[in-house]
Amino acid sequence: MTTETPRQTEHRPSTSAPGGPDGTASGRGPTFGKDPKPGEGSSAYGESLADIYDSLYPATGPAVESMVAFLRELRPAPASLLELGVGTGRLAIPLAKHGYRVHGVDASPAMLAKLHENDPTGAVTSSVGDFSALVVEERYDLVLTALNTFFMLPDQEQQINCLRGIHDALADGGVAVFETYNPQVYHRLTETTTRVGHLAPDALLLDTIQVNQSLQSALVVHTVVGPGGLRKVPEVSRYAWPAEFDVMARLAGLRVTGRWAGWDRSPVTDQAEKHVYVVERQSALLA
């Protein structure tokens, strides 16, 4: 979720875990304490937007290319990579094409079904579940949580639980990478705000944004207007300030080792639209 119009913005898929479009595992990967129920939270978001997600956020362009370059510099292929909130494979498929061994997880079976359509050779394995209850059977050189997915976890406790799962998922020398929006982008909105963007020549996307500053939450209602009628999809995120993110990471046995305003490693400012974090295990830094 960002303030830009569709095609320019970097939204997120659905919070989840490894498996196929029917909820069964496709390749080995993490397991989860529970499966999301249809219609709940980020699963509902993914189920509602899966058929148009690739039109909203194409899997090509400078944003994807700069992300791939950032990760290749951080840990080159053929590193193993776990993506939380893989969606339709917008990032996972290009990473697999560059030689990474990618496993993606998502709360939405519909998103994963689109992933498999976009990846007919099965280069990306996947599974479905709730990744606030992540339990790993193998470890990864990279764990990627992009497109504001981390903020889709609804409260601080679940965000810390996710970080603990990521800690356990990291291989020796592994790193986790997070892409989030800058909380300032929404926190400074004191009134309901509406933004309009083109989804297609004959379709519009209207985003209505409401912020609860005391709860650090942002509600965005996506309204798609097109030949098929009108569709509304709510999306709620719980943002964490950088200092809070640092503390949550430490509680999970992690430590932030880098923070930038984008994949180009530009410095963080109040005006930046996003934050990119690099996180490692505390034990790795002490070794």
Foldseek 3Di string as FASTA:
>chain_A
DFDDAFQVAQAFAAFWFFDALVQHHFDDKKDFPFADDPPDFRQVVLVQCLVQNCLRYPLDDDQLVLLLVLVCVVPNPCWEEEEGRCFLPSNPVVNLVRHYQYEYEHNYSSRRVNNCVVVVVCSYTGGGGHLLGIDTPAATQEYEYERQNLQSPQDLSSSLSNLLNNQVRHDQNHKYKYKRWALLRQLPDPDWDWDKDDSDPFKIWIWIWDADNVQQKIKIWIWIDGPVGIDIDIGMGRDDHPVRVQVSNVVSQKGWPAKALGSVRHHDDSPRGMIMTMMHGPVSVVD
